[in-house]
Amino acid sequence: MLEIRRLRMLTRIGALLAGVLALIVIVFAPHVAAQGCAMCYQNAAASGAQGREALRHGILILLFPTVSLFVGIFGLIYTRRNVSR
């Protein structure tokens, strides 16, 4: 019984570490997240400092629901992985 609890705790810690690692990659490698479309780049460069800042905030705001849905679905899959039918 104690070993099962310990194993569950270790898997939760592993999942938490994987989430933190994914968050670090997203935060510290923003150039990897975009493809760098030439037209988008030209529009952003021509919009000035305030426009670029608005685009950065918009991208982060739109990223939040996507990541939360992704984490939620995989969290549901993870919690129900051993449920017999």
PDB file of N, CA and C in Angstrom:
ATOM      1  N   MET A   1       0.824  -1.187   0.000  1.00  0.00           N
ATOM      2  CA  MET A   1       0.000   0.000   0.000  1.00  0.00           C
ATOM      3  C   MET A   1       0.871   1.254   0.000  1.00  0.00           C
ATOM      4  N   LEU A   2       1.934   1.231   0.809  1.00  0.00           N
ATOM      5  CA  LEU A   2       2.834   2.368   0.880  1.00  0.00           C
ATOM      6  C   LEU A   2       3.569   2.579  -0.434  1.00  0.00           C
ATOM      7  N   GLU A   3       3.927   1.469  -1.098  1.00  0.00           N
ATOM      8  CA  GLU A   3       4.624   1.576  -2.376  1.00  0.00           C
ATOM      9  C   GLU A   3       3.729   2.190  -3.453  1.00  0.00           C
ATOM     10  N   ILE A   4       2.445   1.889  -3.422  1.00  0.00           N
ATOM     11  CA  ILE A   4       1.522   2.454  -4.405  1.00  0.00           C
ATOM     12  C   ILE A   4       1.410   3.958  -4.208  1.00  0.00           C
ATOM     13  N   ARG A   5       1.310   4.386  -2.964  1.00  0.00           N
ATOM     14  CA  ARG A   5       1.243   5.827  -2.683  1.00  0.00           C
ATOM     15  C   ARG A   5       2.517   6.528  -3.124  1.00  0.00           C
ATOM     16  N   ARG A   6       3.631   5.901  -2.857  1.00  0.00           N
ATOM     17  CA  ARG A   6       4.917   6.491  -3.246  1.00  0.00           C
ATOM     18  C   ARG A   6       5.028   6.586  -4.775  1.00  0.00           C
ATOM     19  N   LEU A   7       4.582   5.553  -5.468  1.00  0.00           N
ATOM     20  CA  LEU A   7       4.616   5.555  -6.921  1.00  0.00           C
ATOM     21  C   LEU A   7       3.697   6.635  -7.491  1.00  0.00           C
ATOM     22  N   ARG A   8       2.511   6.783  -6.913  1.00  0.00           N
ATOM     23  CA  ARG A   8       1.597   7.831  -7.365  1.00  0.00           C
ATOM     24  C   ARG A   8       2.193   9.208  -7.132  1.00  0.00           C
ATOM     25  N   MET A   9       2.842   9.393  -5.985  1.00  0.00           N
ATOM     26  CA  MET A   9       3.463  10.677  -5.696  1.00  0.00           C
ATOM     27  C   MET A   9       4.579  10.971  -6.692  1.00  0.00           C
ATOM     28  N   LEU A  10       5.366   9.983  -7.024  1.00  0.00           N
ATOM     29  CA  LEU A  10       6.451  10.172  -7.979  1.00  0.00           C
ATOM     30  C   LEU A  10       5.922  10.478  -9.377  1.00  0.00           C
ATOM     31  N   THR A  11       4.818   9.845  -9.778  1.00  0.00           N
ATOM     32  CA  THR A  11       4.259  10.141 -11.093  1.00  0.00           C
ATOM     33  C   THR A  11       3.668  11.551 -11.121  1.00  0.00           C
ATOM     34  N   ARG A  12       3.069  11.987 -10.035  1.00  0.00           N
ATOM     35  CA  ARG A  12       2.554  13.359  -9.975  1.00  0.00           C
ATOM     36  C   ARG A  12       3.687  14.367 -10.034  1.00  0.00           C
ATOM     37  N   ILE A  13       4.762  14.088  -9.343  1.00  0.00           N
ATOM     38  CA  ILE A  13       5.921  14.972  -9.379  1.00  0.00           C
ATOM     39  C   ILE A  13       6.510  15.003 -10.787  1.00  0.00           C
ATOM     40  N   GLY A  14       6.565  13.853 -11.441  1.00  0.00           N
ATOM     41  CA  GLY A  14       7.062  13.796 -12.814  1.00  0.00           C
ATOM     42  C   GLY A  14       6.187  14.597 -13.771  1.00  0.00           C
ATOM     43  N   ALA A  15       4.872  14.496 -13.604  1.00  0.00           N
ATOM     44  CA  ALA A  15       3.958  15.263 -14.450  1.00  0.00           C
ATOM     45  C   ALA A  15       4.113  16.757 -14.185  1.00  0.00           C
ATOM     46  N   LEU A  16       4.277  17.122 -12.939  1.00  0.00           N
ATOM     47  CA  LEU A  16       4.476  18.528 -12.596  1.00  0.00           C
ATOM     48  C   LEU A  16       5.778  19.055 -13.191  1.00  0.00           C
ATOM     49  N   LEU A  17       6.837  18.274 -13.108  1.00  0.00           N
ATOM     50  CA  LEU A  17       8.116  18.688 -13.688  1.00  0.00           C
ATOM     51  C   LEU A  17       8.032  18.807 -15.206  1.00  0.00           C
ATOM     52  N   ALA A  18       7.285  17.908 -15.844  1.00  0.00           N
ATOM     53  CA  ALA A  18       7.113  18.002 -17.292  1.00  0.00           C
ATOM     54  C   ALA A  18       6.355  19.268 -17.663  1.00  0.00           C
ATOM     55  N   GLY A  19       5.348  19.622 -16.878  1.00  0.00           N
ATOM     56  CA  GLY A  19       4.608  20.854 -17.118  1.00  0.00           C
ATOM     57  C   GLY A  19       5.469  22.085 -16.936  1.00  0.00           C
ATOM     58  N   VAL A  20       6.284  22.085 -15.890  1.00  0.00           N
ATOM     59  CA  VAL A  20       7.178  23.219 -15.648  1.00  0.00           C
ATOM     60  C   VAL A  20       8.206  23.337 -16.768  1.00  0.00           C
ATOM     61  N   LEU A  21       8.715  22.220 -17.216  1.00  0.00           N
ATOM     62  CA  LEU A  21       9.677  22.231 -18.324  1.00  0.00           C
ATOM     63  C   LEU A  21       9.043  22.772 -19.598  1.00  0.00           C
ATOM     64  N   ALA A  22       7.809  22.357 -19.882  1.00  0.00           N
ATOM     65  CA  ALA A  22       7.113  22.870 -21.064  1.00  0.00           C
ATOM     66  C   ALA A  22       6.888  24.374 -20.943  1.00  0.00           C
ATOM     67  N   LEU A  23       6.542  24.835 -19.763  1.00  0.00           N
ATOM     68  CA  LEU A  23       6.336  26.264 -19.549  1.00  0.00           C
ATOM     69  C   LEU A  23       7.637  27.041 -19.744  1.00  0.00           C
ATOM     70  N   ILE A  24       8.739  26.505 -19.265  1.00  0.00           N
ATOM     71  CA  ILE A  24      10.041  27.159 -19.434  1.00  0.00           C
ATOM     72  C   ILE A  24      10.404  27.248 -20.911  1.00  0.00           C
ATOM     73  N   VAL A  25      10.150  26.183 -21.652  1.00  0.00           N
ATOM     74  CA  VAL A  25      10.452  26.197 -23.084  1.00  0.00           C
ATOM     75  C   VAL A  25       9.607  27.240 -23.794  1.00  0.00           C
ATOM     76  N   ILE A  26       8.335  27.342 -23.432  1.00  0.00           N
ATOM     77  CA  ILE A  26       7.455  28.332 -24.066  1.00  0.00           C
ATOM     78  C   ILE A  26       7.905  29.746 -23.738  1.00  0.00           C
ATOM     79  N   VAL A  27       8.288  29.980 -22.493  1.00  0.00           N
ATOM     80  CA  VAL A  27       8.650  31.336 -22.076  1.00  0.00           C
ATOM     81  C   VAL A  27      10.003  31.760 -22.634  1.00  0.00           C
ATOM     82  N   PHE A  28      10.985  30.879 -22.591  1.00  0.00           N
ATOM     83  CA  PHE A  28      12.332  31.271 -22.959  1.00  0.00           C
ATOM     84  C   PHE A  28      12.706  31.018 -24.414  1.00  0.00           C
ATOM     85  N   ALA A  29      11.803  30.480 -25.211  1.00  0.00           N
ATOM     86  CA  ALA A  29      12.093  30.259 -26.627  1.00  0.00           C
ATOM     87  C   ALA A  29      10.933  30.742 -27.487  1.00  0.00           C
ATOM     88  N   PRO A  30      10.611  32.035 -27.430  1.00  0.00           N
ATOM     89  CA  PRO A  30       9.458  32.520 -28.209  1.00  0.00           C
ATOM     90  C   PRO A  30       9.676  32.479 -29.714  1.00  0.00           C
ATOM     91  N   HIS A  31      10.917  32.544 -30.155  1.00  0.00           N
ATOM     92  CA  HIS A  31      11.176  32.507 -31.587  1.00  0.00           C
ATOM     93  C   HIS A  31      10.892  31.133 -32.178  1.00  0.00           C
ATOM     94  N   VAL A  32      10.869  30.111 -31.360  1.00  0.00           N
ATOM     95  CA  VAL A  32      10.576  28.765 -31.834  1.00  0.00           C
ATOM     96  C   VAL A  32       9.072  28.598 -32.072  1.00  0.00           C
ATOM     97  N   ALA A  33       8.250  29.352 -31.350  1.00  0.00           N
ATOM     98  CA  ALA A  33       6.806  29.200 -31.443  1.00  0.00           C
ATOM     99  C   ALA A  33       6.219  29.799 -32.708  1.00  0.00           C
ATOM    100  N   ALA A  34       6.921  30.668 -33.402  1.00  0.00           N
ATOM    101  CA  ALA A  34       6.392  31.309 -34.604  1.00  0.00           C
ATOM    102  C   ALA A  34       7.208  30.903 -35.826  1.00  0.00           C
ATOM    103  N   GLN A  35       6.552  30.920 -36.979  1.00  0.00           N
ATOM    104  CA  GLN A  35       7.238  30.546 -38.209  1.00  0.00           C
ATOM    105  C   GLN A  35       7.936  31.723 -38.858  1.00  0.00           C
ATOM    106  N   GLY A  36       7.573  32.933 -38.509  1.00  0.00           N
ATOM    107  CA  GLY A  36       8.229  34.100 -39.069  1.00  0.00           C
ATOM    108  C   GLY A  36       7.752  34.443 -40.468  1.00  0.00           C
ATOM    109  N   CYS A  37       6.457  34.513 -40.645  1.00  0.00           N
ATOM    110  CA  CYS A  37       5.867  34.891 -41.939  1.00  0.00           C
ATOM    111  C   CYS A  37       6.379  36.280 -42.327  1.00  0.00           C
ATOM    112  N   ALA A  38       6.814  36.432 -43.579  1.00  0.00           N
ATOM    113  CA  ALA A  38       7.393  37.704 -44.028  1.00  0.00           C
ATOM    114  C   ALA A  38       6.365  38.836 -43.992  1.00  0.00           C
ATOM    115  N   MET A  39       5.137  38.553 -44.395  1.00  0.00           N
ATOM    116  CA  MET A  39       4.114  39.593 -44.395  1.00  0.00           C
ATOM    117  C   MET A  39       3.757  40.008 -42.960  1.00  0.00           C
ATOM    118  N   CYS A  40       3.655  39.040 -42.075  1.00  0.00           N
ATOM    119  CA  CYS A  40       3.367  39.351 -40.672  1.00  0.00           C
ATOM    120  C   CYS A  40       4.511  40.167 -40.060  1.00  0.00           C
ATOM    121  N   TYR A  41       5.718  39.804 -40.394  1.00  0.00           N
ATOM    122  CA  TYR A  41       6.880  40.529 -39.872  1.00  0.00           C
ATOM    123  C   TYR A  41       6.875  41.983 -40.343  1.00  0.00           C
ATOM    124  N   GLN A  42       6.589  42.201 -41.619  1.00  0.00           N
ATOM    125  CA  GLN A  42       6.571  43.560 -42.161  1.00  0.00           C
ATOM    126  C   GLN A  42       5.455  44.391 -41.528  1.00  0.00           C
ATOM    127  N   ASN A  43       4.286  43.796 -41.338  1.00  0.00           N
ATOM    128  CA  ASN A  43       3.185  44.518 -40.697  1.00  0.00           C
ATOM    129  C   ASN A  43       3.511  44.871 -39.253  1.00  0.00           C
ATOM    130  N   ALA A  44       4.111  43.937 -38.540  1.00  0.00           N
ATOM    131  CA  ALA A  44       4.467  44.203 -37.145  1.00  0.00           C
ATOM    132  C   ALA A  44       5.567  45.254 -37.050  1.00  0.00           C
ATOM    133  N   ALA A  45       6.526  45.217 -37.955  1.00  0.00           N
ATOM    134  CA  ALA A  45       7.615  46.189 -37.932  1.00  0.00           C
ATOM    135  C   ALA A  45       7.121  47.590 -38.275  1.00  0.00           C
ATOM    136  N   ALA A  46       6.116  47.677 -39.129  1.00  0.00           N
ATOM    137  CA  ALA A  46       5.602  48.981 -39.540  1.00  0.00           C
ATOM    138  C   ALA A  46       4.633  49.581 -38.526  1.00  0.00           C
ATOM    139  N   SER A  47       4.172  48.786 -37.566  1.00  0.00           N
ATOM    140  CA  SER A  47       3.142  49.271 -36.640  1.00  0.00           C
ATOM    141  C   SER A  47       3.706  50.110 -35.499  1.00  0.00           C
ATOM    142  N   GLY A  48       4.976  50.133 -35.306  1.00  0.00           N
ATOM    143  CA  GLY A  48       5.563  50.925 -34.234  1.00  0.00           C
ATOM    144  C   GLY A  48       5.665  50.130 -32.933  1.00  0.00           C
ATOM    145  N   ALA A  49       6.204  50.787 -31.928  1.00  0.00           N
ATOM    146  CA  ALA A  49       6.457  50.106 -30.657  1.00  0.00           C
ATOM    147  C   ALA A  49       5.159  49.694 -29.964  1.00  0.00           C
ATOM    148  N   GLN A  50       4.170  50.565 -29.986  1.00  0.00           N
ATOM    149  CA  GLN A  50       2.911  50.261 -29.321  1.00  0.00           C
ATOM    150  C   GLN A  50       2.190  49.096 -30.014  1.00  0.00           C
ATOM    151  N   GLY A  51       2.231  49.040 -31.318  1.00  0.00           N
ATOM    152  CA  GLY A  51       1.609  47.947 -32.065  1.00  0.00           C
ATOM    153  C   GLY A  51       2.302  46.621 -31.817  1.00  0.00           C
ATOM    154  N   ARG A  52       3.634  46.649 -31.766  1.00  0.00           N
ATOM    155  CA  ARG A  52       4.369  45.413 -31.480  1.00  0.00           C
ATOM    156  C   ARG A  52       4.052  44.898 -30.086  1.00  0.00           C
ATOM    157  N   GLU A  53       3.953  45.798 -29.129  1.00  0.00           N
ATOM    158  CA  GLU A  53       3.619  45.389 -27.762  1.00  0.00           C
ATOM    159  C   GLU A  53       2.219  44.791 -27.703  1.00  0.00           C
ATOM    160  N   ALA A  54       1.283  45.383 -28.448  1.00  0.00           N
ATOM    161  CA  ALA A  54      -0.084  44.845 -28.496  1.00  0.00           C
ATOM    162  C   ALA A  54      -0.102  43.456 -29.125  1.00  0.00           C
ATOM    163  N   LEU A  55       0.695  43.253 -30.163  1.00  0.00           N
ATOM    164  CA  LEU A  55       0.779  41.925 -30.779  1.00  0.00           C
ATOM    165  C   LEU A  55       1.354  40.892 -29.812  1.00  0.00           C
ATOM    166  N   ARG A  56       2.385  41.270 -29.082  1.00  0.00           N
ATOM    167  CA  ARG A  56       2.968  40.339 -28.098  1.00  0.00           C
ATOM    168  C   ARG A  56       1.935  39.942 -27.050  1.00  0.00           C
ATOM    169  N   HIS A  57       1.196  40.913 -26.544  1.00  0.00           N
ATOM    170  CA  HIS A  57       0.183  40.608 -25.525  1.00  0.00           C
ATOM    171  C   HIS A  57      -0.938  39.760 -26.118  1.00  0.00           C
ATOM    172  N   GLY A  58      -1.333  40.062 -27.353  1.00  0.00           N
ATOM    173  CA  GLY A  58      -2.383  39.280 -28.000  1.00  0.00           C
ATOM    174  C   GLY A  58      -1.984  37.837 -28.197  1.00  0.00           C
ATOM    175  N   ILE A  59      -0.752  37.613 -28.578  1.00  0.00           N
ATOM    176  CA  ILE A  59      -0.267  36.244 -28.766  1.00  0.00           C
ATOM    177  C   ILE A  59      -0.292  35.485 -27.446  1.00  0.00           C
ATOM    178  N   LEU A  60       0.156  36.115 -26.382  1.00  0.00           N
ATOM    179  CA  LEU A  60       0.137  35.448 -25.076  1.00  0.00           C
ATOM    180  C   LEU A  60      -1.282  35.183 -24.594  1.00  0.00           C
ATOM    181  N   ILE A  61      -2.179  36.132 -24.842  1.00  0.00           N
ATOM    182  CA  ILE A  61      -3.567  35.952 -24.427  1.00  0.00           C
ATOM    183  C   ILE A  61      -4.214  34.804 -25.200  1.00  0.00           C
ATOM    184  N   LEU A  62      -3.936  34.686 -26.488  1.00  0.00           N
ATOM    185  CA  LEU A  62      -4.496  33.595 -27.284  1.00  0.00           C
ATOM    186  C   LEU A  62      -3.816  32.260 -26.997  1.00  0.00           C
ATOM    187  N   LEU A  63      -2.600  32.294 -26.499  1.00  0.00           N
ATOM    188  CA  LEU A  63      -1.896  31.059 -26.163  1.00  0.00           C
ATOM    189  C   LEU A  63      -2.470  30.403 -24.912  1.00  0.00           C
ATOM    190  N   PHE A  64      -2.956  31.199 -23.962  1.00  0.00           N
ATOM    191  CA  PHE A  64      -3.438  30.669 -22.685  1.00  0.00           C
ATOM    192  C   PHE A  64      -4.591  29.677 -22.842  1.00  0.00           C
ATOM    193  N   PRO A  65      -5.679  29.976 -23.580  1.00  0.00           N
ATOM    194  CA  PRO A  65      -6.755  28.991 -23.695  1.00  0.00           C
ATOM    195  C   PRO A  65      -6.322  27.706 -24.406  1.00  0.00           C
ATOM    196  N   THR A  66      -5.450  27.852 -25.381  1.00  0.00           N
ATOM    197  CA  THR A  66      -4.975  26.672 -26.104  1.00  0.00           C
ATOM    198  C   THR A  66      -4.187  25.743 -25.198  1.00  0.00           C
ATOM    199  N   VAL A  67      -3.272  26.309 -24.455  1.00  0.00           N
ATOM    200  CA  VAL A  67      -2.448  25.494 -23.555  1.00  0.00           C
ATOM    201  C   VAL A  67      -3.304  24.904 -22.433  1.00  0.00           C
ATOM    202  N   SER A  68      -4.257  25.672 -21.916  1.00  0.00           N
ATOM    203  CA  SER A  68      -5.097  25.153 -20.835  1.00  0.00           C
ATOM    204  C   SER A  68      -5.973  24.000 -21.335  1.00  0.00           C
ATOM    205  N   LEU A  69      -6.498  24.087 -22.554  1.00  0.00           N
ATOM    206  CA  LEU A  69      -7.258  22.964 -23.108  1.00  0.00           C
ATOM    207  C   LEU A  69      -6.372  21.738 -23.304  1.00  0.00           C
ATOM    208  N   PHE A  70      -5.181  21.951 -23.824  1.00  0.00           N
ATOM    209  CA  PHE A  70      -4.237  20.853 -24.030  1.00  0.00           C
ATOM    210  C   PHE A  70      -3.905  20.158 -22.710  1.00  0.00           C
ATOM    211  N   VAL A  71      -3.583  20.951 -21.695  1.00  0.00           N
ATOM    212  CA  VAL A  71      -3.239  20.384 -20.384  1.00  0.00           C
ATOM    213  C   VAL A  71      -4.452  19.708 -19.771  1.00  0.00           C
ATOM    214  N   GLY A  72      -5.628  20.302 -19.913  1.00  0.00           N
ATOM    215  CA  GLY A  72      -6.844  19.716 -19.353  1.00  0.00           C
ATOM    216  C   GLY A  72      -7.183  18.371 -19.970  1.00  0.00           C
ATOM    217  N   ILE A  73      -7.093  18.278 -21.291  1.00  0.00           N
ATOM    218  CA  ILE A  73      -7.402  17.010 -21.960  1.00  0.00           C
ATOM    219  C   ILE A  73      -6.409  15.930 -21.565  1.00  0.00           C
ATOM    220  N   PHE A  74      -5.117  16.266 -21.563  1.00  0.00           N
ATOM    221  CA  PHE A  74      -4.132  15.263 -21.183  1.00  0.00           C
ATOM    222  C   PHE A  74      -4.191  14.936 -19.693  1.00  0.00           C
ATOM    223  N   GLY A  75      -4.601  15.894 -18.870  1.00  0.00           N
ATOM    224  CA  GLY A  75      -4.819  15.597 -17.452  1.00  0.00           C
ATOM    225  C   GLY A  75      -5.966  14.618 -17.267  1.00  0.00           C
ATOM    226  N   LEU A  76      -7.032  14.790 -18.031  1.00  0.00           N
ATOM    227  CA  LEU A  76      -8.168  13.867 -17.976  1.00  0.00           C
ATOM    228  C   LEU A  76      -7.752  12.483 -18.450  1.00  0.00           C
ATOM    229  N   ILE A  77      -7.003  12.438 -19.527  1.00  0.00           N
ATOM    230  CA  ILE A  77      -6.517  11.147 -20.024  1.00  0.00           C
ATOM    231  C   ILE A  77      -5.621  10.480 -18.986  1.00  0.00           C
ATOM    232  N   TYR A  78      -4.763  11.260 -18.347  1.00  0.00           N
ATOM    233  CA  TYR A  78      -3.842  10.704 -17.355  1.00  0.00           C
ATOM    234  C   TYR A  78      -4.591  10.170 -16.134  1.00  0.00           C
ATOM    235  N   THR A  79      -5.602  10.899 -15.663  1.00  0.00           N
ATOM    236  CA  THR A  79      -6.319  10.443 -14.467  1.00  0.00           C
ATOM    237  C   THR A  79      -7.194   9.230 -14.758  1.00  0.00           C
ATOM    238  N   ARG A  80      -7.623   9.063 -15.993  1.00  0.00           N
ATOM    239  CA  ARG A  80      -8.504   7.941 -16.321  1.00  0.00           C
ATOM    240  C   ARG A  80      -7.771   6.817 -17.060  1.00  0.00           C
ATOM    241  N   ARG A  81      -6.469   6.765 -16.964  1.00  0.00           N
ATOM    242  CA  ARG A  81      -5.699   5.800 -17.728  1.00  0.00           C
ATOM    243  C   ARG A  81      -5.908   4.359 -17.269  1.00  0.00           C
ATOM    244  N   ASN A  82      -6.270   4.130 -16.019  1.00  0.00           N
ATOM    245  CA  ASN A  82      -6.413   2.773 -15.495  1.00  0.00           C
ATOM    246  C   ASN A  82      -7.870   2.384 -15.233  1.00  0.00           C
ATOM    247  N   VAL A  83      -8.806   3.155 -15.743  1.00  0.00           N
ATOM    248  CA  VAL A  83     -10.210   2.854 -15.539  1.00  0.00           C
ATOM    249  C   VAL A  83     -10.611   1.715 -16.467  1.00  0.00           C
ATOM    250  N   SER A  84     -11.139   0.645 -15.881  1.00  0.00           N
ATOM    251  CA  SER A  84     -11.569  -0.477 -16.721  1.00  0.00           C
ATOM    252  C   SER A  84     -12.975  -0.208 -17.234  1.00  0.00           C
ATOM    253  N   ARG A  85     -13.250  -0.729 -18.389  1.00  0.00           N
ATOM    254  CA  ARG A  85     -14.556  -0.477 -19.025  1.00  0.00           C
ATOM    255  C   ARG A  85     -15.538  -1.530 -18.652  1.00  0.00           C
TER     256      ARG A  85
END
